Amino acid sequence: MIDLYYWPTPNGHKITMFLEEVGTPYEIKPIDIGKGHQFAPDFLKI
């Protein structure tokens, strides 16, 4: 139900903490910020 674009940083952990608390189904889409995935055109749309 939820696609989570995520990397394990403090800001990323905030969201997994919430989703694990409520049990909402989610799928992690890793965004390797050291490799520049955050500049991909499809990600920038989001």
ModelCIF file with pLDDT and N, C-alpha, C, O atoms, coordinates in Angstrom:
data_MODEL
#
_entry.id   MODEL 
#
_entity.id                         1 
_entity.type                       polymer 
_entity.pdbx_number_of_molecules   1 
#
_entity_poly.entity_id                      1 
_entity_poly.type                           'polypeptide(L)' 
_entity_poly.nstd_linkage                   no 
_entity_poly.nstd_monomer                   no 
_entity_poly.pdbx_seq_one_letter_code       MIDLYYWPTPNGHKITMFLEEVGTPYEIKPIDIGKGHQFAPDFLKI 
_entity_poly.pdbx_seq_one_letter_code_can   MIDLYYWPTPNGHKITMFLEEVGTPYEIKPIDIGKGHQFAPDFLKI 
_entity_poly.pdbx_strand_id                 A 
#
loop_
_entity_poly_seq.entity_id 
_entity_poly_seq.num 
_entity_poly_seq.mon_id 
_entity_poly_seq.hetero 
1 1  MET n 
1 2  ILE n 
1 3  ASP n 
1 4  LEU n 
1 5  TYR n 
1 6  TYR n 
1 7  TRP n 
1 8  PRO n 
1 9  THR n 
1 10 PRO n 
1 11 ASN n 
1 12 GLY n 
1 13 HIS n 
1 14 LYS n 
1 15 ILE n 
1 16 THR n 
1 17 MET n 
1 18 PHE n 
1 19 LEU n 
1 20 GLU n 
1 21 GLU n 
1 22 VAL n 
1 23 GLY n 
1 24 THR n 
1 25 PRO n 
1 26 TYR n 
1 27 GLU n 
1 28 ILE n 
1 29 LYS n 
1 30 PRO n 
1 31 ILE n 
1 32 ASP n 
1 33 ILE n 
1 34 GLY n 
1 35 LYS n 
1 36 GLY n 
1 37 HIS n 
1 38 GLN n 
1 39 PHE n 
1 40 ALA n 
1 41 PRO n 
1 42 ASP n 
1 43 PHE n 
1 44 LEU n 
1 45 LYS n 
1 46 ILE n 
#
_struct_asym.id          A 
_struct_asym.entity_id   1 
#
loop_
_ma_qa_metric.id 
_ma_qa_metric.mode 
_ma_qa_metric.name 
_ma_qa_metric.software_group_id 
_ma_qa_metric.type 
1 global pLDDT . pLDDT 
2 local  pLDDT . pLDDT 
#
_ma_qa_metric_global.metric_id      1 
_ma_qa_metric_global.metric_value   96.20 
_ma_qa_metric_global.model_id       1 
_ma_qa_metric_global.ordinal_id     1 
#
loop_
_ma_qa_metric_local.label_asym_id 
_ma_qa_metric_local.label_comp_id 
_ma_qa_metric_local.label_seq_id 
_ma_qa_metric_local.metric_id 
_ma_qa_metric_local.metric_value 
_ma_qa_metric_local.model_id 
_ma_qa_metric_local.ordinal_id 
A MET 1  2 89.00 1 1  
A ILE 2  2 98.00 1 2  
A ASP 3  2 98.00 1 3  
A LEU 4  2 98.00 1 4  
A TYR 5  2 98.00 1 5  
A TYR 6  2 98.00 1 6  
A TRP 7  2 97.00 1 7  
A PRO 8  2 97.00 1 8  
A THR 9  2 96.00 1 9  
A PRO 10 2 98.00 1 10 
A ASN 11 2 98.00 1 11 
A GLY 12 2 98.00 1 12 
A HIS 13 2 98.00 1 13 
A LYS 14 2 98.00 1 14 
A ILE 15 2 98.00 1 15 
A THR 16 2 98.00 1 16 
A MET 17 2 98.00 1 17 
A PHE 18 2 98.00 1 18 
A LEU 19 2 98.00 1 19 
A GLU 20 2 98.00 1 20 
A GLU 21 2 98.00 1 21 
A VAL 22 2 98.00 1 22 
A GLY 23 2 97.00 1 23 
A THR 24 2 94.00 1 24 
A PRO 25 2 96.00 1 25 
A TYR 26 2 98.00 1 26 
A GLU 27 2 98.00 1 27 
A ILE 28 2 98.00 1 28 
A LYS 29 2 97.00 1 29 
A PRO 30 2 97.00 1 30 
A ILE 31 2 96.00 1 31 
A ASP 32 2 95.00 1 32 
A ILE 33 2 93.00 1 33 
A GLY 34 2 91.00 1 34 
A LYS 35 2 92.00 1 35 
A GLY 36 2 92.00 1 36 
A HIS 37 2 95.00 1 37 
A GLN 38 2 95.00 1 38 
A PHE 39 2 93.00 1 39 
A ALA 40 2 94.00 1 40 
A PRO 41 2 94.00 1 41 
A ASP 42 2 95.00 1 42 
A PHE 43 2 96.00 1 43 
A LEU 44 2 95.00 1 44 
A LYS 45 2 95.00 1 45 
A ILE 46 2 96.00 1 46 
#
loop_
_atom_site.group_PDB 
_atom_site.id 
_atom_site.type_symbol 
_atom_site.label_atom_id 
_atom_site.label_alt_id 
_atom_site.label_comp_id 
_atom_site.label_asym_id 
_atom_site.label_entity_id 
_atom_site.label_seq_id 
_atom_site.pdbx_PDB_ins_code 
_atom_site.Cartn_x 
_atom_site.Cartn_y 
_atom_site.Cartn_z 
_atom_site.occupancy 
_atom_site.B_iso_or_equiv 
_atom_site.pdbx_formal_charge 
_atom_site.auth_seq_id 
_atom_site.auth_comp_id 
_atom_site.auth_asym_id 
_atom_site.auth_atom_id 
_atom_site.pdbx_PDB_model_num 
ATOM 1   N N  . MET A 1 1  ? 0.822  -1.206 0.000   1.00 89.00 ? 1  MET A N  1 
ATOM 2   C CA . MET A 1 1  ? 0.000  0.000  0.000   1.00 89.00 ? 1  MET A CA 1 
ATOM 3   C C  . MET A 1 1  ? 0.857  1.257  0.000   1.00 89.00 ? 1  MET A C  1 
ATOM 4   O O  . MET A 1 1  ? 0.518  2.243  -0.655  1.00 89.00 ? 1  MET A O  1 
ATOM 5   N N  . ILE A 1 2  ? 1.979  1.226  0.741   1.00 98.00 ? 2  ILE A N  1 
ATOM 6   C CA . ILE A 1 2  ? 2.876  2.371  0.799   1.00 98.00 ? 2  ILE A CA 1 
ATOM 7   C C  . ILE A 1 2  ? 4.209  1.992  0.172   1.00 98.00 ? 2  ILE A C  1 
ATOM 8   O O  . ILE A 1 2  ? 4.813  0.993  0.561   1.00 98.00 ? 2  ILE A O  1 
ATOM 9   N N  . ASP A 1 3  ? 4.670  2.769  -0.784  1.00 98.00 ? 3  ASP A N  1 
ATOM 10  C CA . ASP A 1 3  ? 6.041  2.675  -1.273  1.00 98.00 ? 3  ASP A CA 1 
ATOM 11  C C  . ASP A 1 3  ? 6.864  3.681  -0.477  1.00 98.00 ? 3  ASP A C  1 
ATOM 12  O O  . ASP A 1 3  ? 6.547  4.871  -0.462  1.00 98.00 ? 3  ASP A O  1 
ATOM 13  N N  . LEU A 1 4  ? 7.916  3.209  0.183   1.00 98.00 ? 4  LEU A N  1 
ATOM 14  C CA . LEU A 1 4  ? 8.775  4.085  0.977   1.00 98.00 ? 4  LEU A CA 1 
ATOM 15  C C  . LEU A 1 4  ? 10.136 4.188  0.314   1.00 98.00 ? 4  LEU A C  1 
ATOM 16  O O  . LEU A 1 4  ? 10.871 3.205  0.215   1.00 98.00 ? 4  LEU A O  1 
ATOM 17  N N  . TYR A 1 5  ? 10.460 5.386  -0.138  1.00 98.00 ? 5  TYR A N  1 
ATOM 18  C CA . TYR A 1 5  ? 11.761 5.667  -0.737  1.00 98.00 ? 5  TYR A CA 1 
ATOM 19  C C  . TYR A 1 5  ? 12.681 6.076  0.413   1.00 98.00 ? 5  TYR A C  1 
ATOM 20  O O  . TYR A 1 5  ? 12.462 7.097  1.064   1.00 98.00 ? 5  TYR A O  1 
ATOM 21  N N  . TYR A 1 6  ? 13.714 5.264  0.654   1.00 98.00 ? 6  TYR A N  1 
ATOM 22  C CA . TYR A 1 6  ? 14.352 5.249  1.971   1.00 98.00 ? 6  TYR A CA 1 
ATOM 23  C C  . TYR A 1 6  ? 15.832 4.936  1.883   1.00 98.00 ? 6  TYR A C  1 
ATOM 24  O O  . TYR A 1 6  ? 16.280 4.204  1.000   1.00 98.00 ? 6  TYR A O  1 
ATOM 25  N N  . TRP A 1 7  ? 16.570 5.497  2.800   1.00 97.00 ? 7  TRP A N  1 
ATOM 26  C CA . TRP A 1 7  ? 17.935 5.083  3.095   1.00 97.00 ? 7  TRP A CA 1 
ATOM 27  C C  . TRP A 1 7  ? 18.084 5.191  4.614   1.00 97.00 ? 7  TRP A C  1 
ATOM 28  O O  . TRP A 1 7  ? 17.482 6.080  5.217   1.00 97.00 ? 7  TRP A O  1 
ATOM 29  N N  . PRO A 1 8  ? 18.866 4.313  5.250   1.00 97.00 ? 8  PRO A N  1 
ATOM 30  C CA . PRO A 1 8  ? 18.902 4.286  6.718   1.00 97.00 ? 8  PRO A CA 1 
ATOM 31  C C  . PRO A 1 8  ? 19.688 5.436  7.334   1.00 97.00 ? 8  PRO A C  1 
ATOM 32  O O  . PRO A 1 8  ? 20.805 5.261  7.820   1.00 97.00 ? 8  PRO A O  1 
ATOM 33  N N  . THR A 1 9  ? 19.085 6.595  7.301   1.00 96.00 ? 9  THR A N  1 
ATOM 34  C CA . THR A 1 9  ? 19.580 7.792  7.970   1.00 96.00 ? 9  THR A CA 1 
ATOM 35  C C  . THR A 1 9  ? 18.570 8.155  9.054   1.00 96.00 ? 9  THR A C  1 
ATOM 36  O O  . THR A 1 9  ? 17.498 7.552  9.109   1.00 96.00 ? 9  THR A O  1 
ATOM 37  N N  . PRO A 1 10 ? 18.879 9.127  9.921   1.00 98.00 ? 10 PRO A N  1 
ATOM 38  C CA . PRO A 1 10 ? 17.880 9.515  10.916  1.00 98.00 ? 10 PRO A CA 1 
ATOM 39  C C  . PRO A 1 10 ? 16.521 9.868  10.313  1.00 98.00 ? 10 PRO A C  1 
ATOM 40  O O  . PRO A 1 10 ? 15.488 9.468  10.850  1.00 98.00 ? 10 PRO A O  1 
ATOM 41  N N  . ASN A 1 11 ? 16.508 10.600 9.225   1.00 98.00 ? 11 ASN A N  1 
ATOM 42  C CA . ASN A 1 11 ? 15.219 10.961 8.622   1.00 98.00 ? 11 ASN A CA 1 
ATOM 43  C C  . ASN A 1 11 ? 14.508 9.742  8.040   1.00 98.00 ? 11 ASN A C  1 
ATOM 44  O O  . ASN A 1 11 ? 13.281 9.655  8.088   1.00 98.00 ? 11 ASN A O  1 
ATOM 45  N N  . GLY A 1 12 ? 15.264 8.816  7.501   1.00 98.00 ? 12 GLY A N  1 
ATOM 46  C CA . GLY A 1 12 ? 14.647 7.592  7.003   1.00 98.00 ? 12 GLY A CA 1 
ATOM 47  C C  . GLY A 1 12 ? 14.066 6.746  8.117   1.00 98.00 ? 12 GLY A C  1 
ATOM 48  O O  . GLY A 1 12 ? 12.979 6.185  7.975   1.00 98.00 ? 12 GLY A O  1 
ATOM 49  N N  . HIS A 1 13 ? 14.787 6.652  9.227   1.00 98.00 ? 13 HIS A N  1 
ATOM 50  C CA . HIS A 1 13 ? 14.318 5.833  10.344  1.00 98.00 ? 13 HIS A CA 1 
ATOM 51  C C  . HIS A 1 13 ? 12.993 6.335  10.917  1.00 98.00 ? 13 HIS A C  1 
ATOM 52  O O  . HIS A 1 13 ? 12.185 5.543  11.400  1.00 98.00 ? 13 HIS A O  1 
ATOM 53  N N  . LYS A 1 14 ? 12.773 7.632  10.864  1.00 98.00 ? 14 LYS A N  1 
ATOM 54  C CA . LYS A 1 14 ? 11.507 8.171  11.388  1.00 98.00 ? 14 LYS A CA 1 
ATOM 55  C C  . LYS A 1 14 ? 10.306 7.447  10.777  1.00 98.00 ? 14 LYS A C  1 
ATOM 56  O O  . LYS A 1 14 ? 9.351  7.105  11.475  1.00 98.00 ? 14 LYS A O  1 
ATOM 57  N N  . ILE A 1 15 ? 10.370 7.221  9.475   1.00 98.00 ? 15 ILE A N  1 
ATOM 58  C CA . ILE A 1 15 ? 9.202  6.702  8.767   1.00 98.00 ? 15 ILE A CA 1 
ATOM 59  C C  . ILE A 1 15 ? 9.043  5.202  9.002   1.00 98.00 ? 15 ILE A C  1 
ATOM 60  O O  . ILE A 1 15 ? 7.923  4.723  9.178   1.00 98.00 ? 15 ILE A O  1 
ATOM 61  N N  . THR A 1 16 ? 10.136 4.462  9.007   1.00 98.00 ? 16 THR A N  1 
ATOM 62  C CA . THR A 1 16 ? 10.000 3.031  9.299   1.00 98.00 ? 16 THR A CA 1 
ATOM 63  C C  . THR A 1 16 ? 9.532  2.826  10.733  1.00 98.00 ? 16 THR A C  1 
ATOM 64  O O  . THR A 1 16 ? 8.791  1.881  11.002  1.00 98.00 ? 16 THR A O  1 
ATOM 65  N N  . MET A 1 17 ? 9.943  3.679  11.651  1.00 98.00 ? 17 MET A N  1 
ATOM 66  C CA . MET A 1 17 ? 9.457  3.571  13.032  1.00 98.00 ? 17 MET A CA 1 
ATOM 67  C C  . MET A 1 17 ? 7.941  3.714  13.078  1.00 98.00 ? 17 MET A C  1 
ATOM 68  O O  . MET A 1 17 ? 7.260  2.946  13.758  1.00 98.00 ? 17 MET A O  1 
ATOM 69  N N  . PHE A 1 18 ? 7.415  4.694  12.355  1.00 98.00 ? 18 PHE A N  1 
ATOM 70  C CA . PHE A 1 18 ? 5.960  4.890  12.351  1.00 98.00 ? 18 PHE A CA 1 
ATOM 71  C C  . PHE A 1 18 ? 5.261  3.701  11.710  1.00 98.00 ? 18 PHE A C  1 
ATOM 72  O O  . PHE A 1 18 ? 4.313  3.153  12.273  1.00 98.00 ? 18 PHE A O  1 
ATOM 73  N N  . LEU A 1 19 ? 5.723  3.309  10.545  1.00 98.00 ? 19 LEU A N  1 
ATOM 74  C CA . LEU A 1 19 ? 5.037  2.239  9.811   1.00 98.00 ? 19 LEU A CA 1 
ATOM 75  C C  . LEU A 1 19 ? 5.071  0.928  10.581  1.00 98.00 ? 19 LEU A C  1 
ATOM 76  O O  . LEU A 1 19 ? 4.112  0.158  10.535  1.00 98.00 ? 19 LEU A O  1 
ATOM 77  N N  . GLU A 1 20 ? 6.158  0.669  11.282  1.00 98.00 ? 20 GLU A N  1 
ATOM 78  C CA . GLU A 1 20 ? 6.219  -0.548 12.093  1.00 98.00 ? 20 GLU A CA 1 
ATOM 79  C C  . GLU A 1 20 ? 5.281  -0.457 13.292  1.00 98.00 ? 20 GLU A C  1 
ATOM 80  O O  . GLU A 1 20 ? 4.723  -1.470 13.713  1.00 98.00 ? 20 GLU A O  1 
ATOM 81  N N  . GLU A 1 21 ? 5.102  0.720  13.841  1.00 98.00 ? 21 GLU A N  1 
ATOM 82  C CA . GLU A 1 21 ? 4.172  0.885  14.969  1.00 98.00 ? 21 GLU A CA 1 
ATOM 83  C C  . GLU A 1 21 ? 2.737  0.568  14.558  1.00 98.00 ? 21 GLU A C  1 
ATOM 84  O O  . GLU A 1 21 ? 2.010  -0.091 15.302  1.00 98.00 ? 21 GLU A O  1 
ATOM 85  N N  . VAL A 1 22 ? 2.329  1.030  13.384  1.00 98.00 ? 22 VAL A N  1 
ATOM 86  C CA . VAL A 1 22 ? 0.924  0.877  12.990  1.00 98.00 ? 22 VAL A CA 1 
ATOM 87  C C  . VAL A 1 22 ? 0.659  -0.391 12.195  1.00 98.00 ? 22 VAL A C  1 
ATOM 88  O O  . VAL A 1 22 ? -0.494 -0.789 12.026  1.00 98.00 ? 22 VAL A O  1 
ATOM 89  N N  . GLY A 1 23 ? 1.723  -1.032 11.702  1.00 97.00 ? 23 GLY A N  1 
ATOM 90  C CA . GLY A 1 23 ? 1.541  -2.270 10.946  1.00 97.00 ? 23 GLY A CA 1 
ATOM 91  C C  . GLY A 1 23 ? 1.031  -2.080 9.539   1.00 97.00 ? 23 GLY A C  1 
ATOM 92  O O  . GLY A 1 23 ? 0.500  -3.016 8.941   1.00 97.00 ? 23 GLY A O  1 
ATOM 93  N N  . THR A 1 24 ? 1.183  -0.887 8.999   1.00 94.00 ? 24 THR A N  1 
ATOM 94  C CA . THR A 1 24 ? 0.764  -0.627 7.622   1.00 94.00 ? 24 THR A CA 1 
ATOM 95  C C  . THR A 1 24 ? 1.685  -1.358 6.649   1.00 94.00 ? 24 THR A C  1 
ATOM 96  O O  . THR A 1 24 ? 2.905  -1.258 6.781   1.00 94.00 ? 24 THR A O  1 
ATOM 97  N N  . PRO A 1 25 ? 1.140  -2.089 5.676   1.00 96.00 ? 25 PRO A N  1 
ATOM 98  C CA . PRO A 1 25 ? 2.008  -2.740 4.683   1.00 96.00 ? 25 PRO A CA 1 
ATOM 99  C C  . PRO A 1 25 ? 2.798  -1.698 3.881   1.00 96.00 ? 25 PRO A C  1 
ATOM 100 O O  . PRO A 1 25 ? 2.238  -0.708 3.410   1.00 96.00 ? 25 PRO A O  1 
ATOM 101 N N  . TYR A 1 26 ? 4.084  -1.934 3.738   1.00 98.00 ? 26 TYR A N  1 
ATOM 102 C CA . TYR A 1 26 ? 4.902  -1.007 2.951   1.00 98.00 ? 26 TYR A CA 1 
ATOM 103 C C  . TYR A 1 26 ? 6.050  -1.748 2.311   1.00 98.00 ? 26 TYR A C  1 
ATOM 104 O O  . TYR A 1 26 ? 6.480  -2.804 2.776   1.00 98.00 ? 26 TYR A O  1 
ATOM 105 N N  . GLU A 1 27 ? 6.531  -1.171 1.241   1.00 98.00 ? 27 GLU A N  1 
ATOM 106 C CA . GLU A 1 27 ? 7.680  -1.730 0.528   1.00 98.00 ? 27 GLU A CA 1 
ATOM 107 C C  . GLU A 1 27 ? 8.770  -0.685 0.463   1.00 98.00 ? 27 GLU A C  1 
ATOM 108 O O  . GLU A 1 27 ? 8.540  0.436  0.008   1.00 98.00 ? 27 GLU A O  1 
ATOM 109 N N  . ILE A 1 28 ? 9.957  -1.050 0.917   1.00 98.00 ? 28 ILE A N  1 
ATOM 110 C CA . ILE A 1 28 ? 11.091 -0.135 0.873   1.00 98.00 ? 28 ILE A CA 1 
ATOM 111 C C  . ILE A 1 28 ? 11.686 -0.108 -0.528  1.00 98.00 ? 28 ILE A C  1 
ATOM 112 O O  . ILE A 1 28 ? 11.993 -1.146 -1.114  1.00 98.00 ? 28 ILE A O  1 
ATOM 113 N N  . LYS A 1 29 ? 11.841 1.102  -1.047  1.00 97.00 ? 29 LYS A N  1 
ATOM 114 C CA . LYS A 1 29 ? 12.537 1.335  -2.311  1.00 97.00 ? 29 LYS A CA 1 
ATOM 115 C C  . LYS A 1 29 ? 13.854 2.044  -1.960  1.00 97.00 ? 29 LYS A C  1 
ATOM 116 O O  . LYS A 1 29 ? 13.856 3.258  -1.756  1.00 97.00 ? 29 LYS A O  1 
ATOM 117 N N  . PRO A 1 30 ? 14.956 1.321  -1.887  1.00 97.00 ? 30 PRO A N  1 
ATOM 118 C CA . PRO A 1 30 ? 16.208 1.940  -1.436  1.00 97.00 ? 30 PRO A CA 1 
ATOM 119 C C  . PRO A 1 30 ? 16.658 3.075  -2.353  1.00 97.00 ? 30 PRO A C  1 
ATOM 120 O O  . PRO A 1 30 ? 16.670 2.945  -3.577  1.00 97.00 ? 30 PRO A O  1 
ATOM 121 N N  . ILE A 1 31 ? 17.024 4.178  -1.730  1.00 96.00 ? 31 ILE A N  1 
ATOM 122 C CA . ILE A 1 31 ? 17.585 5.325  -2.439  1.00 96.00 ? 31 ILE A CA 1 
ATOM 123 C C  . ILE A 1 31 ? 18.998 5.531  -1.887  1.00 96.00 ? 31 ILE A C  1 
ATOM 124 O O  . ILE A 1 31 ? 19.182 6.172  -0.852  1.00 96.00 ? 31 ILE A O  1 
ATOM 125 N N  . ASP A 1 32 ? 19.978 4.989  -2.579  1.00 95.00 ? 32 ASP A N  1 
ATOM 126 C CA . ASP A 1 32 ? 21.365 5.069  -2.117  1.00 95.00 ? 32 ASP A CA 1 
ATOM 127 C C  . ASP A 1 32 ? 21.872 6.487  -2.370  1.00 95.00 ? 32 ASP A C  1 
ATOM 128 O O  . ASP A 1 32 ? 22.245 6.845  -3.488  1.00 95.00 ? 32 ASP A O  1 
ATOM 129 N N  . ILE A 1 33 ? 21.875 7.279  -1.308  1.00 93.00 ? 33 ILE A N  1 
ATOM 130 C CA . ILE A 1 33 ? 22.199 8.697  -1.468  1.00 93.00 ? 33 ILE A CA 1 
ATOM 131 C C  . ILE A 1 33 ? 23.678 8.922  -1.772  1.00 93.00 ? 33 ILE A C  1 
ATOM 132 O O  . ILE A 1 33 ? 24.050 9.976  -2.289  1.00 93.00 ? 33 ILE A O  1 
ATOM 133 N N  . GLY A 1 34 ? 24.524 7.940  -1.455  1.00 91.00 ? 34 GLY A N  1 
ATOM 134 C CA . GLY A 1 34 ? 25.936 8.058  -1.805  1.00 91.00 ? 34 GLY A CA 1 
ATOM 135 C C  . GLY A 1 34 ? 26.205 7.777  -3.271  1.00 91.00 ? 34 GLY A C  1 
ATOM 136 O O  . GLY A 1 34 ? 27.246 8.161  -3.803  1.00 91.00 ? 34 GLY A O  1 
ATOM 137 N N  . LYS A 1 35 ? 25.260 7.102  -3.927  1.00 92.00 ? 35 LYS A N  1 
ATOM 138 C CA . LYS A 1 35 ? 25.405 6.779  -5.350  1.00 92.00 ? 35 LYS A CA 1 
ATOM 139 C C  . LYS A 1 35 ? 24.607 7.726  -6.237  1.00 92.00 ? 35 LYS A C  1 
ATOM 140 O O  . LYS A 1 35 ? 24.632 7.605  -7.462  1.00 92.00 ? 35 LYS A O  1 
ATOM 141 N N  . GLY A 1 36 ? 23.900 8.670  -5.619  1.00 92.00 ? 36 GLY A N  1 
ATOM 142 C CA . GLY A 1 36 ? 23.173 9.664  -6.402  1.00 92.00 ? 36 GLY A CA 1 
ATOM 143 C C  . GLY A 1 36 ? 21.797 9.247  -6.867  1.00 92.00 ? 36 GLY A C  1 
ATOM 144 O O  . GLY A 1 36 ? 21.243 9.863  -7.778  1.00 92.00 ? 36 GLY A O  1 
ATOM 145 N N  . HIS A 1 37 ? 21.225 8.206  -6.260  1.00 95.00 ? 37 HIS A N  1 
ATOM 146 C CA . HIS A 1 37 ? 19.889 7.771  -6.677  1.00 95.00 ? 37 HIS A CA 1 
ATOM 147 C C  . HIS A 1 37 ? 18.839 8.863  -6.477  1.00 95.00 ? 37 HIS A C  1 
ATOM 148 O O  . HIS A 1 37 ? 17.791 8.845  -7.123  1.00 95.00 ? 37 HIS A O  1 
ATOM 149 N N  . GLN A 1 38 ? 19.116 9.807  -5.587  1.00 95.00 ? 38 GLN A N  1 
ATOM 150 C CA . GLN A 1 38 ? 18.139 10.864 -5.296  1.00 95.00 ? 38 GLN A CA 1 
ATOM 151 C C  . GLN A 1 38 ? 17.993 11.867 -6.442  1.00 95.00 ? 38 GLN A C  1 
ATOM 152 O O  . GLN A 1 38 ? 17.115 12.729 -6.413  1.00 95.00 ? 38 GLN A O  1 
ATOM 153 N N  . PHE A 1 39 ? 18.859 11.745 -7.449  1.00 93.00 ? 39 PHE A N  1 
ATOM 154 C CA . PHE A 1 39 ? 18.762 12.651 -8.600  1.00 93.00 ? 39 PHE A CA 1 
ATOM 155 C C  . PHE A 1 39 ? 18.086 12.001 -9.809  1.00 93.00 ? 39 PHE A C  1 
ATOM 156 O O  . PHE A 1 39 ? 17.969 12.619 -10.867 1.00 93.00 ? 39 PHE A O  1 
ATOM 157 N N  . ALA A 1 40 ? 17.648 10.772 -9.648  1.00 94.00 ? 40 ALA A N  1 
ATOM 158 C CA . ALA A 1 40 ? 16.985 10.080 -10.758 1.00 94.00 ? 40 ALA A CA 1 
ATOM 159 C C  . ALA A 1 40 ? 15.686 10.813 -11.116 1.00 94.00 ? 40 ALA A C  1 
ATOM 160 O O  . ALA A 1 40 ? 14.938 11.204 -10.219 1.00 94.00 ? 40 ALA A O  1 
ATOM 161 N N  . PRO A 1 41 ? 15.410 11.003 -12.396 1.00 94.00 ? 41 PRO A N  1 
ATOM 162 C CA . PRO A 1 41 ? 14.218 11.757 -12.802 1.00 94.00 ? 41 PRO A CA 1 
ATOM 163 C C  . PRO A 1 41 ? 12.924 11.227 -12.196 1.00 94.00 ? 41 PRO A C  1 
ATOM 164 O O  . PRO A 1 41 ? 12.068 12.016 -11.796 1.00 94.00 ? 41 PRO A O  1 
ATOM 165 N N  . ASP A 1 42 ? 12.764 9.917  -12.121 1.00 95.00 ? 42 ASP A N  1 
ATOM 166 C CA . ASP A 1 42 ? 11.530 9.364  -11.559 1.00 95.00 ? 42 ASP A CA 1 
ATOM 167 C C  . ASP A 1 42 ? 11.396 9.693  -10.081 1.00 95.00 ? 42 ASP A C  1 
ATOM 168 O O  . ASP A 1 42 ? 10.291 9.923  -9.591  1.00 95.00 ? 42 ASP A O  1 
ATOM 169 N N  . PHE A 1 43 ? 12.519 9.717  -9.368  1.00 96.00 ? 43 PHE A N  1 
ATOM 170 C CA . PHE A 1 43 ? 12.454 10.067 -7.947  1.00 96.00 ? 43 PHE A CA 1 
ATOM 171 C C  . PHE A 1 43 ? 12.156 11.544 -7.763  1.00 96.00 ? 43 PHE A C  1 
ATOM 172 O O  . PHE A 1 43 ? 11.425 11.917 -6.845  1.00 96.00 ? 43 PHE A O  1 
ATOM 173 N N  . LEU A 1 44 ? 12.710 12.390 -8.623  1.00 95.00 ? 44 LEU A N  1 
ATOM 174 C CA . LEU A 1 44 ? 12.465 13.826 -8.507  1.00 95.00 ? 44 LEU A CA 1 
ATOM 175 C C  . LEU A 1 44 ? 10.996 14.184 -8.737  1.00 95.00 ? 44 LEU A C  1 
ATOM 176 O O  . LEU A 1 44 ? 10.533 15.226 -8.273  1.00 95.00 ? 44 LEU A O  1 
ATOM 177 N N  . LYS A 1 45 ? 10.270 13.338 -9.440  1.00 95.00 ? 45 LYS A N  1 
ATOM 178 C CA . LYS A 1 45 ? 8.835  13.579 -9.601  1.00 95.00 ? 45 LYS A CA 1 
ATOM 179 C C  . LYS A 1 45 ? 8.098  13.423 -8.278  1.00 95.00 ? 45 LYS A C  1 
ATOM 180 O O  . LYS A 1 45 ? 7.052  14.034 -8.058  1.00 95.00 ? 45 LYS A O  1 
ATOM 181 N N  . ILE A 1 46 ? 8.659  12.599 -7.404  1.00 96.00 ? 46 ILE A N  1 
ATOM 182 C CA . ILE A 1 46 ? 8.061  12.353 -6.099  1.00 96.00 ? 46 ILE A CA 1 
ATOM 183 C C  . ILE A 1 46 ? 8.632  13.303 -5.050  1.00 96.00 ? 46 ILE A C  1 
ATOM 184 O O  . ILE A 1 46 ? 8.242  13.242 -3.884  1.00 96.00 ? 46 ILE A O  1 
#
